[in-house]
PDB file of N, CA and C in Angstrom:
ATOM      1  N   MET A   1      22.873  -3.449  22.425  1.00  0.00           N
ATOM      2  CA  MET A   1      22.400  -4.288  21.204  1.00  0.00           C
ATOM      3  C   MET A   1      23.263  -4.173  19.813  1.00  0.00           C
ATOM      4  N   ASP A   2      24.142  -4.958  18.946  1.00  0.00           N
ATOM      5  CA  ASP A   2      24.559  -4.254  18.099  1.00  0.00           C
ATOM      6  C   ASP A   2      23.511  -4.162  16.990  1.00  0.00           C
ATOM      7  N   ILE A   3      23.604  -3.598  15.851  1.00  0.00           N
ATOM      8  CA  ILE A   3      22.727  -3.277  14.470  1.00  0.00           C
ATOM      9  C   ILE A   3      22.708  -4.608  13.867  1.00  0.00           C
ATOM     10  N   ILE A   4      23.456  -5.488  14.187  1.00  0.00           N
ATOM     11  CA  ILE A   4      23.374  -6.838  13.429  1.00  0.00           C
ATOM     12  C   ILE A   4      22.511  -7.741  13.907  1.00  0.00           C
ATOM     13  N   TYR A   5      22.052  -7.060  15.307  1.00  0.00           N
ATOM     14  CA  TYR A   5      20.855  -8.060  16.313  1.00  0.00           C
ATOM     15  C   TYR A   5      19.657  -7.578  15.859  1.00  0.00           C
ATOM     16  N   LYS A   6      19.696  -6.285  15.975  1.00  0.00           N
ATOM     17  CA  LYS A   6      18.624  -5.005  16.016  1.00  0.00           C
ATOM     18  C   LYS A   6      17.500  -5.549  14.921  1.00  0.00           C
ATOM     19  N   LEU A   7      18.651  -5.324  13.879  1.00  0.00           N
ATOM     20  CA  LEU A   7      17.646  -5.049  12.396  1.00  0.00           C
ATOM     21  C   LEU A   7      17.171  -6.497  12.055  1.00  0.00           C
ATOM     22  N   PRO A   8      17.052  -7.740  12.558  1.00  0.00           N
ATOM     23  CA  PRO A   8      16.545  -9.015  12.096  1.00  0.00           C
ATOM     24  C   PRO A   8      14.847  -8.334  12.948  1.00  0.00           C
ATOM     25  N   VAL A   9      15.430  -8.412  14.251  1.00  0.00           N
ATOM     26  CA  VAL A   9      14.482  -8.285  15.351  1.00  0.00           C
ATOM     27  C   VAL A   9      13.261  -7.107  14.784  1.00  0.00           C
ATOM     28  N   LEU A  10      13.837  -6.219  14.339  1.00  0.00           N
ATOM     29  CA  LEU A  10      13.001  -4.812  13.758  1.00  0.00           C
ATOM     30  C   LEU A  10      12.321  -5.271  12.388  1.00  0.00           C
ATOM     31  N   LEU A  11      12.624  -6.222  11.616  1.00  0.00           N
ATOM     32  CA  LEU A  11      12.551  -6.362  10.655  1.00  0.00           C
ATOM     33  C   LEU A  11      11.128  -7.576  10.661  1.00  0.00           C
ATOM     34  N   ILE A  12      11.487  -8.653  11.822  1.00  0.00           N
ATOM     35  CA  ILE A  12      10.566  -9.268  11.858  1.00  0.00           C
ATOM     36  C   ILE A  12       9.436  -8.890  12.462  1.00  0.00           C
ATOM     37  N   LEU A  13       9.576  -7.816  13.404  1.00  0.00           N
ATOM     38  CA  LEU A  13       8.182  -7.048  13.961  1.00  0.00           C
ATOM     39  C   LEU A  13       7.321  -6.376  12.902  1.00  0.00           C
ATOM     40  N   PHE A  14       8.258  -5.815  12.276  1.00  0.00           N
ATOM     41  CA  PHE A  14       7.278  -5.251  10.976  1.00  0.00           C
ATOM     42  C   PHE A  14       6.407  -6.167  10.227  1.00  0.00           C
ATOM     43  N   PHE A  15       6.843  -7.164   9.947  1.00  0.00           N
ATOM     44  CA  PHE A  15       6.694  -8.140   8.999  1.00  0.00           C
ATOM     45  C   PHE A  15       4.874  -9.021   9.857  1.00  0.00           C
ATOM     46  N   ILE A  16       5.505  -8.907  11.221  1.00  0.00           N
ATOM     47  CA  ILE A  16       4.314  -9.709  12.206  1.00  0.00           C
ATOM     48  C   ILE A  16       3.648  -8.432  11.977  1.00  0.00           C
ATOM     49  N   LEU A  17       3.184  -7.396  12.361  1.00  0.00           N
ATOM     50  CA  LEU A  17       2.640  -6.293  11.857  1.00  0.00           C
ATOM     51  C   LEU A  17       1.705  -5.859  10.691  1.00  0.00           C
ATOM     52  N   PHE A  18       2.337  -6.307   9.490  1.00  0.00           N
ATOM     53  CA  PHE A  18       2.249  -6.107   8.383  1.00  0.00           C
ATOM     54  C   PHE A  18       1.243  -7.212   8.372  1.00  0.00           C
ATOM     55  N   SER A  19       1.324  -8.858   8.477  1.00  0.00           N
ATOM     56  CA  SER A  19       0.690 -10.112   8.660  1.00  0.00           C
ATOM     57  C   SER A  19      -0.496  -9.937   9.430  1.00  0.00           C
ATOM     58  N   LEU A  20      -0.617  -8.698  10.658  1.00  0.00           N
ATOM     59  CA  LEU A  20      -1.706  -8.799  11.352  1.00  0.00           C
ATOM     60  C   LEU A  20      -2.533  -7.870  10.732  1.00  0.00           C
ATOM     61  N   PHE A  21      -2.175  -6.683   9.936  1.00  0.00           N
ATOM     62  CA  PHE A  21      -3.357  -5.743   8.650  1.00  0.00           C
ATOM     63  C   PHE A  21      -3.477  -6.482   8.209  1.00  0.00           C
ATOM     64  N   GLN A  22      -2.821  -7.237   7.223  1.00  0.00           N
ATOM     65  CA  GLN A  22      -3.167  -8.385   5.962  1.00  0.00           C
ATOM     66  C   GLN A  22      -4.238  -8.718   6.003  1.00  0.00           C
ATOM     67  N   GLY A  23      -4.436  -9.708   7.624  1.00  0.00           N
ATOM     68  CA  GLY A  23      -5.771 -10.739   7.772  1.00  0.00           C
ATOM     69  C   GLY A  23      -6.698 -10.030   8.311  1.00  0.00           C
ATOM     70  N   MET A  24      -6.542  -8.350   8.858  1.00  0.00           N
ATOM     71  CA  MET A  24      -7.957  -7.715   9.236  1.00  0.00           C
ATOM     72  C   MET A  24      -8.305  -7.372   8.063  1.00  0.00           C
ATOM     73  N   TYR A  25      -7.775  -6.592   6.674  1.00  0.00           N
ATOM     74  CA  TYR A  25      -7.834  -6.443   5.372  1.00  0.00           C
ATOM     75  C   TYR A  25      -8.878  -7.754   4.487  1.00  0.00           C
ATOM     76  N   TYR A  26      -8.266  -8.666   5.095  1.00  0.00           N
ATOM     77  CA  TYR A  26      -8.473  -9.757   4.234  1.00  0.00           C
ATOM     78  C   TYR A  26     -10.118 -10.147   5.031  1.00  0.00           C
ATOM     79  N   MET A  27     -10.168 -10.219   6.137  1.00  0.00           N
ATOM     80  CA  MET A  27     -11.335 -10.627   6.874  1.00  0.00           C
ATOM     81  C   MET A  27     -12.492  -9.636   6.466  1.00  0.00           C
ATOM     82  N   ALA A  28     -11.988  -8.262   6.352  1.00  0.00           N
ATOM     83  CA  ALA A  28     -13.114  -7.721   6.375  1.00  0.00           C
ATOM     84  C   ALA A  28     -13.609  -7.735   4.517  1.00  0.00           C
ATOM     85  N   LYS A  29     -12.633  -7.935   3.704  1.00  0.00           N
ATOM     86  CA  LYS A  29     -12.600  -7.961   2.158  1.00  0.00           C
ATOM     87  C   LYS A  29     -13.547  -9.297   2.050  1.00  0.00           C
ATOM     88  N   ASP A  30     -13.365 -10.540   2.423  1.00  0.00           N
ATOM     89  CA  ASP A  30     -13.734 -11.796   2.000  1.00  0.00           C
ATOM     90  C   ASP A  30     -15.249 -11.851   2.327  1.00  0.00           C
ATOM     91  N   ASP A  31     -15.837 -10.993   3.521  1.00  0.00           N
ATOM     92  CA  ASP A  31     -17.051 -11.154   3.642  1.00  0.00           C
ATOM     93  C   ASP A  31     -17.574 -12.381   3.987  1.00  0.00           C
ATOM     94  N   GLY A  32     -16.568 -13.439   4.774  1.00  0.00           N
ATOM     95  CA  GLY A  32     -17.340 -14.743   5.137  1.00  0.00           C
ATOM     96  C   GLY A  32     -17.639 -15.768   4.031  1.00  0.00           C
ATOM     97  N   ARG A  33     -16.832 -15.694   3.131  1.00  0.00           N
ATOM     98  CA  ARG A  33     -16.664 -16.652   1.946  1.00  0.00           C
ATOM     99  C   ARG A  33     -16.398 -17.809   2.303  1.00  0.00           C
ATOM    100  N   ASN A  34     -17.265 -18.630   2.117  1.00  0.00           N
ATOM    101  CA  ASN A  34     -16.599 -20.387   2.512  1.00  0.00           C
ATOM    102  C   ASN A  34     -15.530 -20.864   1.814  1.00  0.00           C
ATOM    103  N   ASN A  35     -15.033 -20.615   1.124  1.00  0.00           N
ATOM    104  CA  ASN A  35     -13.433 -21.478   0.582  1.00  0.00           C
ATOM    105  C   ASN A  35     -12.299 -20.557   0.649  1.00  0.00           C
ATOM    106  N   SER A  36     -12.674 -19.146   1.364  1.00  0.00           N
ATOM    107  CA  SER A  36     -11.217 -18.031   1.994  1.00  0.00           C
ATOM    108  C   SER A  36     -10.694 -18.795   2.512  1.00  0.00           C
ATOM    109  N   THR A  37      -9.180 -18.775   2.334  1.00  0.00           N
ATOM    110  CA  THR A  37      -8.588 -19.133   3.676  1.00  0.00           C
ATOM    111  C   THR A  37      -7.313 -18.407   3.506  1.00  0.00           C
ATOM    112  N   ARG A  38      -7.483 -16.730   3.056  1.00  0.00           N
ATOM    113  CA  ARG A  38      -6.282 -16.091   3.301  1.00  0.00           C
ATOM    114  C   ARG A  38      -6.191 -15.253   4.511  1.00  0.00           C
ATOM    115  N   VAL A  39      -7.241 -15.107   5.446  1.00  0.00           N
ATOM    116  CA  VAL A  39      -7.415 -14.606   6.663  1.00  0.00           C
ATOM    117  C   VAL A  39      -6.565 -15.441   7.527  1.00  0.00           C
ATOM    118  N   VAL A  40      -6.733 -17.169   7.781  1.00  0.00           N
ATOM    119  CA  VAL A  40      -6.017 -18.208   7.834  1.00  0.00           C
ATOM    120  C   VAL A  40      -4.127 -18.248   7.616  1.00  0.00           C
ATOM    121  N   ARG A  41      -4.598 -18.253   6.645  1.00  0.00           N
ATOM    122  CA  ARG A  41      -3.052 -18.169   6.057  1.00  0.00           C
ATOM    123  C   ARG A  41      -2.235 -16.664   7.062  1.00  0.00           C
ATOM    124  N   ALA A  42      -3.082 -15.915   6.514  1.00  0.00           N
ATOM    125  CA  ALA A  42      -1.920 -14.412   7.256  1.00  0.00           C
ATOM    126  C   ALA A  42      -2.050 -14.343   8.483  1.00  0.00           C
ATOM    127  N   LEU A  43      -3.051 -15.516   9.347  1.00  0.00           N
ATOM    128  CA  LEU A  43      -2.515 -15.221  10.597  1.00  0.00           C
ATOM    129  C   LEU A  43      -1.517 -16.299  11.467  1.00  0.00           C
ATOM    130  N   THR A  44      -1.462 -17.421  10.350  1.00  0.00           N
ATOM    131  CA  THR A  44      -0.539 -18.843  10.564  1.00  0.00           C
ATOM    132  C   THR A  44       0.516 -17.655  10.201  1.00  0.00           C
ATOM    133  N   ILE A  45       0.793 -17.419   9.101  1.00  0.00           N
ATOM    134  CA  ILE A  45       1.828 -16.601   9.151  1.00  0.00           C
ATOM    135  C   ILE A  45       2.785 -15.255  10.439  1.00  0.00           C
ATOM    136  N   ARG A  46       1.705 -14.518  10.854  1.00  0.00           N
ATOM    137  CA  ARG A  46       2.244 -13.883  11.705  1.00  0.00           C
ATOM    138  C   ARG A  46       2.505 -14.925  12.942  1.00  0.00           C
ATOM    139  N   VAL A  47       1.371 -15.861  13.298  1.00  0.00           N
ATOM    140  CA  VAL A  47       2.111 -17.254  14.770  1.00  0.00           C
ATOM    141  C   VAL A  47       3.695 -17.360  14.726  1.00  0.00           C
ATOM    142  N   VAL A  48       3.886 -17.626  13.027  1.00  0.00           N
ATOM    143  CA  VAL A  48       5.306 -18.478  12.935  1.00  0.00           C
ATOM    144  C   VAL A  48       6.254 -17.465  12.959  1.00  0.00           C
ATOM    145  N   LEU A  49       6.060 -15.875  12.344  1.00  0.00           N
ATOM    146  CA  LEU A  49       7.042 -14.946  13.097  1.00  0.00           C
ATOM    147  C   LEU A  49       7.235 -14.660  14.331  1.00  0.00           C
ATOM    148  N   SER A  50       5.861 -14.767  15.152  1.00  0.00           N
ATOM    149  CA  SER A  50       5.620 -14.426  16.416  1.00  0.00           C
ATOM    150  C   SER A  50       6.936 -15.392  17.300  1.00  0.00           C
ATOM    151  N   LEU A  51       7.039 -16.763  17.266  1.00  0.00           N
ATOM    152  CA  LEU A  51       7.480 -17.539  17.216  1.00  0.00           C
ATOM    153  C   LEU A  51       9.046 -17.587  17.286  1.00  0.00           C
ATOM    154  N   LEU A  52       9.085 -17.277  15.632  1.00  0.00           N
ATOM    155  CA  LEU A  52      10.266 -16.748  15.743  1.00  0.00           C
ATOM    156  C   LEU A  52      11.341 -15.854  16.005  1.00  0.00           C
ATOM    157  N   LEU A  53      10.213 -15.230  16.483  1.00  0.00           N
ATOM    158  CA  LEU A  53      10.942 -13.475  17.042  1.00  0.00           C
ATOM    159  C   LEU A  53      11.251 -13.825  18.596  1.00  0.00           C
ATOM    160  N   PHE A  54      10.427 -14.904  18.937  1.00  0.00           N
ATOM    161  CA  PHE A  54      10.709 -15.185  20.592  1.00  0.00           C
ATOM    162  C   PHE A  54      12.001 -16.333  20.569  1.00  0.00           C
ATOM    163  N   LEU A  55      11.989 -17.233  19.755  1.00  0.00           N
ATOM    164  CA  LEU A  55      13.416 -18.155  19.535  1.00  0.00           C
ATOM    165  C   LEU A  55      14.573 -17.412  19.432  1.00  0.00           C
ATOM    166  N   ILE A  56      14.309 -16.162  18.579  1.00  0.00           N
ATOM    167  CA  ILE A  56      15.890 -15.414  18.291  1.00  0.00           C
ATOM    168  C   ILE A  56      16.486 -14.829  19.493  1.00  0.00           C
ATOM    169  N   LEU A  57      15.015 -14.324  20.390  1.00  0.00           N
ATOM    170  CA  LEU A  57      15.243 -12.949  21.728  1.00  0.00           C
ATOM    171  C   LEU A  57      16.123 -14.223  22.339  1.00  0.00           C
ATOM    172  N   MET A  58      15.173 -15.556  22.559  1.00  0.00           N
ATOM    173  CA  MET A  58      15.844 -16.452  24.009  1.00  0.00           C
ATOM    174  C   MET A  58      17.229 -16.693  23.350  1.00  0.00           C
ATOM    175  N   VAL A  59      17.657 -16.929  22.121  1.00  0.00           N
ATOM    176  CA  VAL A  59      18.954 -17.010  21.420  1.00  0.00           C
ATOM    177  C   VAL A  59      19.472 -15.999  22.172  1.00  0.00           C
ATOM    178  N   GLY A  60      19.343 -14.585  21.898  1.00  0.00           N
ATOM    179  CA  GLY A  60      20.260 -13.669  22.161  1.00  0.00           C
ATOM    180  C   GLY A  60      20.328 -13.687  23.623  1.00  0.00           C
ATOM    181  N   TYR A  61      19.282 -13.835  24.566  1.00  0.00           N
ATOM    182  CA  TYR A  61      19.510 -13.579  26.133  1.00  0.00           C
ATOM    183  C   TYR A  61      20.615 -14.564  26.266  1.00  0.00           C
ATOM    184  N   TYR A  62      20.713 -16.157  25.588  1.00  0.00           N
ATOM    185  CA  TYR A  62      21.507 -17.369  25.948  1.00  0.00           C
ATOM    186  C   TYR A  62      22.936 -16.983  25.895  1.00  0.00           C
ATOM    187  N   PHE A  63      23.366 -15.754  24.413  1.00  0.00           N
ATOM    188  CA  PHE A  63      24.709 -16.126  24.054  1.00  0.00           C
ATOM    189  C   PHE A  63      25.118 -14.762  24.875  1.00  0.00           C
ATOM    190  N   GLY A  64      24.072 -14.136  25.306  1.00  0.00           N
ATOM    191  CA  GLY A  64      24.602 -12.719  25.896  1.00  0.00           C
ATOM    192  C   GLY A  64      24.518 -11.314  25.184  1.00  0.00           C
ATOM    193  N   LEU A  65      24.017 -11.870  24.352  1.00  0.00           N
ATOM    194  CA  LEU A  65      23.309 -10.730  23.178  1.00  0.00           C
ATOM    195  C   LEU A  65      22.563  -9.556  23.949  1.00  0.00           C
ATOM    196  N   LEU A  66      21.402 -10.321  24.479  1.00  0.00           N
ATOM    197  CA  LEU A  66      20.848  -9.430  25.490  1.00  0.00           C
ATOM    198  C   LEU A  66      21.182  -9.057  27.035  1.00  0.00           C
ATOM    199  N   GLN A  67      20.755  -8.241  27.576  1.00  0.00           N
ATOM    200  CA  GLN A  67      20.913  -8.225  29.333  1.00  0.00           C
ATOM    201  C   GLN A  67      19.849  -7.936  29.718  1.00  0.00           C
ATOM    202  N   PRO A  68      18.914  -8.806  30.865  1.00  0.00           N
ATOM    203  CA  PRO A  68      18.013  -7.968  31.283  1.00  0.00           C
ATOM    204  C   PRO A  68      17.874  -6.807  32.201  1.00  0.00           C
ATOM    205  N   HIS A  69      17.436  -6.093  32.412  1.00  0.00           N
ATOM    206  CA  HIS A  69      17.071  -5.014  33.373  1.00  0.00           C
ATOM    207  C   HIS A  69      15.749  -5.077  34.253  1.00  0.00           C
ATOM    208  N   GLY A  70      16.150  -4.770  35.708  1.00  0.00           N
ATOM    209  CA  GLY A  70      14.896  -4.258  36.359  1.00  0.00           C
ATOM    210  C   GLY A  70      14.192  -3.056  36.261  1.00  0.00           C
ATOM    211  N   ILE A  71      13.152  -2.755  36.634  1.00  0.00           N
ATOM    212  CA  ILE A  71      11.938  -1.746  36.677  1.00  0.00           C
ATOM    213  C   ILE A  71      12.865  -0.412  37.165  1.00  0.00           C
ATOM    214  N   LEU A  72      13.464  -0.663  38.634  1.00  0.00           N
ATOM    215  CA  LEU A  72      13.959  -0.057  39.572  1.00  0.00           C
ATOM    216  C   LEU A  72      15.827  -0.656  39.283  1.00  0.00           C
ATOM    217  N   PRO A  73      16.463   0.765  38.919  1.00  0.00           N
ATOM    218  CA  PRO A  73      17.680   0.214  39.363  1.00  0.00           C
ATOM    219  C   PRO A  73      18.383  -0.080  40.643  1.00  0.00           C
ATOM    220  N   GLN A  74      19.133  -0.818  40.517  1.00  0.00           N
ATOM    221  CA  GLN A  74      19.793  -0.960  42.175  1.00  0.00           C
ATOM    222  C   GLN A  74      21.254  -0.382  42.399  1.00  0.00           C
TER     223      GLN A  74
END
């Protein structure tokens, strides 16, 4: 895998984790306020980034940038 392909994947993984922890922080900080939507927004961003990562991995597989391998070598 080339660095041009690795870097976006790693950045998206970082932002997914950041959004996940941001949602956890907002969930603890807001303490059940009625009109607080920060948790929903953070988790929505995480879901969108996860779908984007999945799409990038599928495109990488389709164009041959990723090669699947088995657990046991043959």
